[in-house]
Amino acid sequence: MRRTALLTVAATAAAALTAAPAHAEGPYGQGLDHCAPSATTDAVVCHFDVPPGTYDVTVTLGGDTAGSTSVTGETRRALLAATGTGAGERARRSFTVDVRDPEGEPTGPAGSPGLDLTFGGAAPRLSGVRVTPAPAAPRLFLVGDSTVCDQPGEPYSGWGQQLPRFLTRGVAVANHADSGESTVSYLANPALFPTVQPLIRPGDPVLIQLAHNDKQTDAATYRANLTTLVEGVRERGGRPVLVTPVVRRWFNTDGTLNNGTALLVNGLGVDHPAEVRRLAAGLGTPLIDLTALTRARVEELGPEASKALYLTAEKRDNTHTSVRGATEYAALVAGELRAQRILPERLFR
């Protein structure tokens, strides 16, 4: 039933695009001629054969019947939250996407070339899509580990994967976080900071969250590595932002997370969040205290309800987040980006 409606809408819109070439402007071709119904779900999938770069995407949602449509792109990046449309109603939304190779984790599979968009949700309705190059668009870079990265498969999700849904056209999230990385490996691997640093342009914010895998990094080395990352960003004219790590869901009997496992104190006794806070003050960088924010949220929910934020039930994993947890944590990051004016108000949804 839904798929029939989708095909009807797609065919109507495609005919309109053919009849009105103004909707097909741009060097790569625009519109639903790049889209087709998914073979396995009710989603519509679109592919644009574009080279790496930043692109503005404008979508028109809605159709003859009521719908609810969300948009993901590339490696499961959340680009637009579920958007409802009434019967006969149209809603236009825009966002900016970072297209890169590899499209997900820097050391992961290359993925498919070009830009891939998936229009899903409870009742997806797509009437039009336009993709245009935006080479001057600023990028919000993310340097981090598996709690941040674009996770390739369900049920995992990093908060950086969900962050784009809170932003509108005018800034692209460039998520270069990578699973298993520490401050040591992120600096040493040519695919990581040596690749990210040349991409940074003056004014680009760069969020740095590394701690979970610095399990045997001593305090002096940890501070020195973070300092090297901050200075490397500044050399390019970027704006470094230090981020304390998300907590592990590891409760005390009193219902708090007041322990070294939850609060990222490593095997050498290095209190990572405390080190990051002190370093941010010393280097004069903005600080997003995600440890404090996520601790408050997990403790608020308590031992049982907080399981939904992590993969406790699915994987017995109290470190990595579910889509819900990653979305809630991304909202906390977005709130700090807004409150501290790291990004201008106009870029938030």
Protein backbone atom coordinates (compact mmCIF):
# COMPACT_ATOMS: atom_id res chain seq x y z
CA MET A 1 0.00 0.00 0.00
CA ARG A 2 2.64 2.55 1.03
CA ARG A 3 4.99 1.51 -1.77
CA THR A 4 2.24 2.08 -4.33
CA ALA A 5 1.75 5.59 -2.96
CA LEU A 6 5.46 6.26 -3.14
CA LEU A 7 5.68 5.14 -6.73
CA THR A 8 2.74 7.34 -7.66
CA VAL A 9 4.28 10.38 -6.04
CA ALA A 10 7.68 9.66 -7.57
CA ALA A 11 6.26 9.25 -11.05
CA THR A 12 4.23 12.46 -10.78
CA ALA A 13 7.21 14.44 -9.51
CA ALA A 14 9.53 12.99 -12.15
CA ALA A 15 7.10 14.05 -14.87
CA ALA A 16 6.95 17.54 -13.40
CA LEU A 17 10.73 17.74 -13.44
CA THR A 18 10.78 16.74 -17.10
CA ALA A 19 8.18 19.35 -17.93
CA ALA A 20 9.93 22.11 -15.95
CA PRO A 21 13.70 22.09 -16.61
CA ALA A 22 14.19 24.87 -14.02
CA HIS A 23 13.94 22.13 -11.39
CA ALA A 24 16.83 20.26 -13.01
CA GLU A 25 19.48 22.95 -12.78
CA GLY A 26 23.03 22.09 -11.71
CA PRO A 27 25.97 20.24 -13.15
CA TYR A 28 24.97 16.79 -11.86
CA GLY A 29 21.28 16.68 -12.67
CA GLN A 30 18.57 17.10 -10.06
CA GLY A 31 15.32 15.48 -9.09
CA LEU A 32 13.65 12.14 -8.66
CA ASP A 33 15.21 10.72 -11.81
CA HIS A 34 18.05 9.92 -9.38
CA CYS A 35 15.71 8.07 -7.00
CA ALA A 36 13.95 4.71 -6.80
CA PRO A 37 11.91 2.76 -4.25
CA SER A 38 13.96 0.48 -2.03
CA ALA A 39 13.73 -3.19 -2.95
CA THR A 40 13.36 -4.25 0.69
CA THR A 41 11.60 -1.41 2.58
CA ASP A 42 9.15 1.43 2.01
CA ALA A 43 12.06 3.89 1.72
CA VAL A 44 13.11 5.85 -1.36
CA VAL A 45 16.82 5.77 -2.14
CA CYS A 46 18.58 8.41 -4.23
CA HIS A 47 22.09 8.45 -5.69
CA PHE A 48 23.95 11.46 -7.08
CA ASP A 49 27.21 10.84 -8.90
CA VAL A 50 29.20 13.72 -7.40
CA PRO A 51 32.88 13.97 -6.41
CA PRO A 52 33.97 14.47 -2.77
CA GLY A 53 33.07 17.89 -1.41
CA THR A 54 30.29 19.75 0.39
CA TYR A 55 26.78 19.92 -1.06
CA ASP A 56 23.58 21.73 -0.22
CA VAL A 57 20.55 19.46 -0.42
CA THR A 58 16.98 20.78 -0.58
CA VAL A 59 14.18 18.25 -0.30
CA THR A 60 10.46 18.66 -0.78
CA LEU A 61 8.51 16.22 1.34
CA GLY A 62 4.84 15.28 1.15
CA GLY A 63 2.36 13.82 -1.26
CA ASP A 64 -1.29 13.12 -1.93
CA THR A 65 -1.57 11.22 1.35
CA ALA A 66 -0.25 12.02 4.83
CA GLY A 67 3.33 11.05 5.53
CA SER A 68 6.22 11.07 7.96
CA THR A 69 9.67 11.20 6.38
CA SER A 70 13.20 11.15 7.78
CA VAL A 71 16.42 11.43 5.79
CA THR A 72 19.72 9.62 6.25
CA GLY A 73 22.77 9.83 4.04
CA GLU A 74 26.01 8.04 3.27
CA THR A 75 26.92 5.75 6.20
CA ARG A 76 23.67 6.02 8.19
CA ARG A 77 24.12 9.73 8.98
CA ALA A 78 20.94 11.30 10.34
CA LEU A 79 20.37 14.37 8.17
CA LEU A 80 16.74 15.17 8.95
CA ALA A 81 14.49 14.01 11.77
CA ALA A 82 11.01 12.64 11.05
CA THR A 83 8.96 15.37 9.37
CA GLY A 84 5.20 15.03 9.18
CA THR A 85 3.10 16.20 6.23
CA GLY A 86 -0.66 16.17 5.87
CA ALA A 87 -2.51 14.93 2.81
CA GLY A 88 -1.68 17.26 -0.09
CA GLU A 89 0.81 19.21 2.02
CA ARG A 90 4.43 19.93 1.03
CA ALA A 91 7.34 20.78 3.33
CA ARG A 92 10.73 21.99 2.13
CA ARG A 93 13.86 21.33 4.19
CA SER A 94 17.57 21.92 3.49
CA PHE A 95 20.86 20.65 4.88
CA THR A 96 24.53 20.52 3.88
CA VAL A 97 26.36 17.21 3.46
CA ASP A 98 30.05 16.32 3.55
CA VAL A 99 30.78 13.77 0.80
CA ARG A 100 34.13 12.07 1.28
CA ASP A 101 36.07 8.91 0.53
CA PRO A 102 35.83 6.76 2.57
CA GLU A 103 32.31 7.88 3.37
CA GLY A 104 32.23 6.54 6.94
CA GLU A 105 35.05 5.75 9.35
CA PRO A 106 38.43 6.85 7.95
CA THR A 107 39.93 3.37 8.30
CA GLY A 108 36.72 1.57 7.32
CA PRO A 109 35.31 0.43 3.98
CA ALA A 110 35.29 2.98 1.17
CA GLY A 111 31.54 2.69 0.67
CA SER A 112 29.96 3.81 -2.59
CA PRO A 113 31.18 6.87 -4.52
CA GLY A 114 28.95 9.91 -4.79
CA LEU A 115 26.11 10.99 -2.51
CA ASP A 116 23.53 8.50 -1.29
CA LEU A 117 20.33 9.62 0.43
CA THR A 118 17.63 7.45 1.97
CA PHE A 119 14.13 8.79 2.61
CA GLY A 120 12.60 6.57 5.26
CA GLY A 121 10.36 6.87 8.28
CA ALA A 122 6.89 5.67 9.17
CA ALA A 123 5.37 6.79 5.86
CA PRO A 124 7.98 8.34 3.56
CA ARG A 125 6.74 10.85 1.01
CA LEU A 126 9.21 12.52 -1.36
CA SER A 127 8.18 15.08 -3.98
CA GLY A 128 11.51 16.59 -4.97
CA VAL A 129 15.22 16.74 -4.24
CA ARG A 130 17.91 19.13 -5.39
CA VAL A 131 21.67 18.81 -4.84
CA THR A 132 24.02 21.70 -5.53
CA PRO A 133 27.75 22.12 -4.83
CA ALA A 134 28.59 24.27 -1.80
CA PRO A 135 32.40 24.42 -1.87
CA ALA A 136 32.59 27.42 0.46
CA ALA A 137 30.39 25.90 3.17
CA PRO A 138 32.16 25.63 6.53
CA ARG A 139 32.64 22.20 8.05
CA LEU A 140 32.29 21.10 11.66
CA PHE A 141 35.05 18.51 12.05
CA LEU A 142 34.81 15.67 14.56
CA VAL A 143 37.92 13.93 15.90
CA GLY A 144 37.04 10.97 18.09
CA ASP A 145 36.53 7.27 18.66
CA SER A 146 33.71 4.72 18.29
CA THR A 147 31.37 6.67 20.58
CA VAL A 148 31.48 9.53 18.05
CA CYS A 149 31.95 7.90 14.63
CA ASP A 150 29.62 7.05 11.76
CA GLN A 151 28.96 3.46 12.77
CA PRO A 152 28.47 1.23 9.71
CA GLY A 153 25.88 -1.16 11.13
CA GLU A 154 22.92 -1.35 13.46
CA PRO A 155 22.32 -1.28 16.36
CA TYR A 156 25.40 0.91 16.92
CA SER A 157 25.44 4.66 16.47
CA GLY A 158 27.92 7.38 17.45
CA TRP A 159 26.73 10.80 18.57
CA GLY A 160 28.53 12.39 15.62
CA GLN A 161 26.37 10.30 13.31
CA GLN A 162 23.24 11.89 14.76
CA LEU A 163 24.53 15.46 15.06
CA PRO A 164 23.62 16.63 11.50
CA ARG A 165 19.89 16.28 12.22
CA PHE A 166 20.14 19.24 14.61
CA LEU A 167 21.75 21.52 12.01
CA THR A 168 20.42 23.17 8.88
CA ARG A 169 21.91 24.24 5.58
CA GLY A 170 25.14 26.22 5.90
CA VAL A 171 27.45 23.83 7.76
CA ALA A 172 28.45 20.23 7.06
CA VAL A 173 29.43 17.78 9.78
CA ALA A 174 32.71 16.16 8.72
CA ASN A 175 32.89 13.16 11.03
CA HIS A 176 36.45 11.78 11.01
CA ALA A 177 36.03 9.83 14.25
CA ASP A 178 37.26 6.24 14.03
CA SER A 179 36.64 3.15 16.16
CA GLY A 180 39.37 2.06 18.54
CA GLU A 181 41.44 5.24 18.37
CA SER A 182 43.35 6.89 21.20
CA THR A 183 45.20 10.20 21.27
CA VAL A 184 48.32 8.18 20.39
CA SER A 185 46.91 6.37 17.36
CA TYR A 186 44.92 9.32 16.04
CA LEU A 187 48.09 11.33 15.67
CA ALA A 188 50.17 8.45 14.31
CA ASN A 189 47.84 6.98 11.66
CA PRO A 190 48.22 8.76 8.28
CA ALA A 191 44.50 8.22 7.60
CA LEU A 192 43.54 10.20 10.69
CA PHE A 193 44.89 13.57 11.87
CA PRO A 194 47.51 13.83 9.11
CA THR A 195 44.59 13.60 6.66
CA VAL A 196 42.17 15.79 8.63
CA GLN A 197 44.53 18.68 9.35
CA PRO A 198 45.04 19.83 5.71
CA LEU A 199 41.25 19.89 5.21
CA ILE A 200 40.66 22.42 7.99
CA ARG A 201 39.98 25.95 6.80
CA PRO A 202 40.06 29.20 8.80
CA GLY A 203 37.08 29.37 11.12
CA ASP A 204 36.15 25.67 10.98
CA PRO A 205 35.32 24.31 14.46
CA VAL A 206 37.03 21.00 15.31
CA LEU A 207 35.56 18.97 18.18
CA ILE A 208 38.07 16.60 19.83
CA GLN A 209 36.87 13.71 22.02
CA LEU A 210 39.47 11.02 22.66
CA ALA A 211 39.78 9.08 25.91
CA HIS A 212 38.04 5.71 25.85
CA ASN A 213 41.01 3.95 24.23
CA ASP A 214 43.77 5.78 26.12
CA LYS A 215 43.66 2.95 28.63
CA GLN A 216 47.42 2.85 29.21
CA THR A 217 48.33 6.42 28.26
CA ASP A 218 50.00 8.29 31.11
CA ALA A 219 48.82 11.75 32.06
CA ALA A 220 51.75 13.65 30.61
CA THR A 221 51.47 11.88 27.24
CA TYR A 222 47.69 12.32 27.17
CA ARG A 223 48.01 16.06 27.77
CA ALA A 224 50.81 16.38 25.22
CA ASN A 225 48.82 14.54 22.55
CA LEU A 226 45.73 16.66 23.06
CA THR A 227 47.90 19.77 22.98
CA THR A 228 49.40 18.64 19.67
CA LEU A 229 45.90 18.19 18.24
CA VAL A 230 44.79 21.63 19.46
CA GLU A 231 47.90 23.32 18.09
CA GLY A 232 47.53 21.46 14.80
CA VAL A 233 44.00 22.78 14.40
CA ARG A 234 45.10 26.31 15.22
CA GLU A 235 47.92 26.14 12.67
CA ARG A 236 45.24 25.84 9.99
CA GLY A 237 43.13 28.66 11.41
CA GLY A 238 40.56 26.26 12.83
CA ARG A 239 38.84 26.56 16.19
CA PRO A 240 39.56 23.59 18.46
CA VAL A 241 36.92 22.53 20.99
CA LEU A 242 37.84 19.94 23.63
CA VAL A 243 35.09 17.47 24.56
CA THR A 244 35.16 15.22 27.62
CA PRO A 245 34.13 11.60 26.88
CA VAL A 246 30.64 10.14 27.21
CA VAL A 247 30.23 8.07 30.35
CA ARG A 248 30.02 4.31 30.53
CA ARG A 249 26.77 3.00 31.99
CA TRP A 250 28.31 1.51 35.12
CA PHE A 251 26.30 2.08 38.28
CA ASN A 252 27.24 1.97 41.94
CA THR A 253 24.81 0.35 44.34
CA ASP A 254 23.62 3.84 45.34
CA GLY A 255 22.44 4.53 41.80
CA THR A 256 25.26 6.90 40.86
CA LEU A 257 28.10 6.71 38.34
CA ASN A 258 30.69 7.90 40.84
CA ASN A 259 33.36 5.34 39.91
CA GLY A 260 36.41 5.18 37.68
CA THR A 261 34.91 2.80 35.12
CA ALA A 262 31.92 5.03 34.41
CA LEU A 263 33.89 8.28 34.54
CA LEU A 264 36.84 7.20 32.38
CA VAL A 265 39.71 6.90 34.84
CA ASN A 266 42.23 4.64 33.10
CA GLY A 267 44.36 1.78 34.37
CA LEU A 268 47.15 4.18 35.36
CA GLY A 269 44.79 6.31 37.41
CA VAL A 270 44.54 9.07 34.79
CA ASP A 271 41.23 10.92 35.16
CA HIS A 272 40.57 11.74 31.52
CA PRO A 273 37.69 14.20 32.00
CA ALA A 274 39.62 16.11 34.67
CA GLU A 275 42.68 16.28 32.42
CA VAL A 276 40.59 17.60 29.52
CA ARG A 277 38.94 20.25 31.71
CA ARG A 278 42.29 21.50 33.00
CA LEU A 279 43.83 21.48 29.55
CA ALA A 280 40.93 23.43 28.01
CA ALA A 281 41.35 26.10 30.68
CA GLY A 282 45.12 26.20 30.18
CA LEU A 283 44.98 26.36 26.38
CA GLY A 284 42.01 28.71 26.23
CA THR A 285 39.82 26.41 24.16
CA PRO A 286 36.05 26.01 24.51
CA LEU A 287 35.04 22.96 26.52
CA ILE A 288 32.00 20.73 26.05
CA ASP A 289 31.79 18.73 29.28
CA LEU A 290 29.99 15.76 27.79
CA THR A 291 31.03 13.59 30.72
CA ALA A 292 29.04 15.76 33.12
CA LEU A 293 26.09 16.06 30.74
CA THR A 294 25.83 12.34 29.96
CA ARG A 295 26.37 11.40 33.61
CA ALA A 296 23.46 13.60 34.61
CA ARG A 297 21.23 12.02 31.97
CA VAL A 298 22.14 8.42 32.81
CA GLU A 299 21.72 8.99 36.55
CA GLU A 300 18.40 10.74 35.91
CA LEU A 301 17.08 7.69 34.07
CA GLY A 302 18.51 5.23 36.58
CA PRO A 303 19.88 1.69 36.19
CA GLU A 304 16.93 0.26 34.29
CA ALA A 305 15.68 2.99 31.96
CA SER A 306 19.22 4.06 31.01
CA LYS A 307 19.77 0.69 29.31
CA ALA A 308 17.91 2.10 26.29
CA LEU A 309 20.68 4.66 25.73
CA TYR A 310 23.31 1.95 25.36
CA LEU A 311 23.47 -1.53 23.84
CA THR A 312 23.05 -3.21 27.21
CA ALA A 313 20.20 -5.48 26.14
CA GLU A 314 21.39 -6.14 22.59
CA LYS A 315 25.13 -6.59 23.13
CA ARG A 316 25.74 -6.38 26.90
CA ASP A 317 27.62 -3.23 25.97
CA ASN A 318 27.56 -0.29 28.38
CA THR A 319 30.02 1.86 26.42
CA HIS A 320 28.51 2.17 22.94
CA THR A 321 25.22 3.91 22.34
CA SER A 322 22.04 2.92 20.59
CA VAL A 323 20.46 5.24 18.03
CA ARG A 324 18.37 6.71 20.85
CA GLY A 325 21.40 7.24 23.09
CA ALA A 326 23.49 8.71 20.29
CA THR A 327 20.62 11.04 19.38
CA GLU A 328 20.20 12.24 22.95
CA TYR A 329 23.94 12.79 23.32
CA ALA A 330 24.12 14.60 19.98
CA ALA A 331 21.36 16.89 21.25
CA LEU A 332 23.51 17.68 24.29
CA VAL A 333 26.45 18.54 22.03
CA ALA A 334 24.24 20.68 19.81
CA GLY A 335 22.95 22.48 22.88
CA GLU A 336 26.50 23.37 23.90
CA LEU A 337 27.45 24.44 20.37
CA ARG A 338 24.50 26.81 20.50
CA ALA A 339 24.89 28.02 24.10
CA GLN A 340 28.61 28.73 23.68
CA ARG A 341 28.04 30.27 20.23
CA ILE A 342 30.53 27.93 18.63
CA LEU A 343 28.07 27.90 15.73
CA PRO A 344 25.71 30.80 14.95
CA GLU A 345 22.04 30.49 15.89
CA ARG A 346 20.90 30.43 12.25
CA LEU A 347 22.54 27.01 11.72
CA PHE A 348 20.34 25.17 14.24
CA ARG A 349 16.97 23.58 13.57
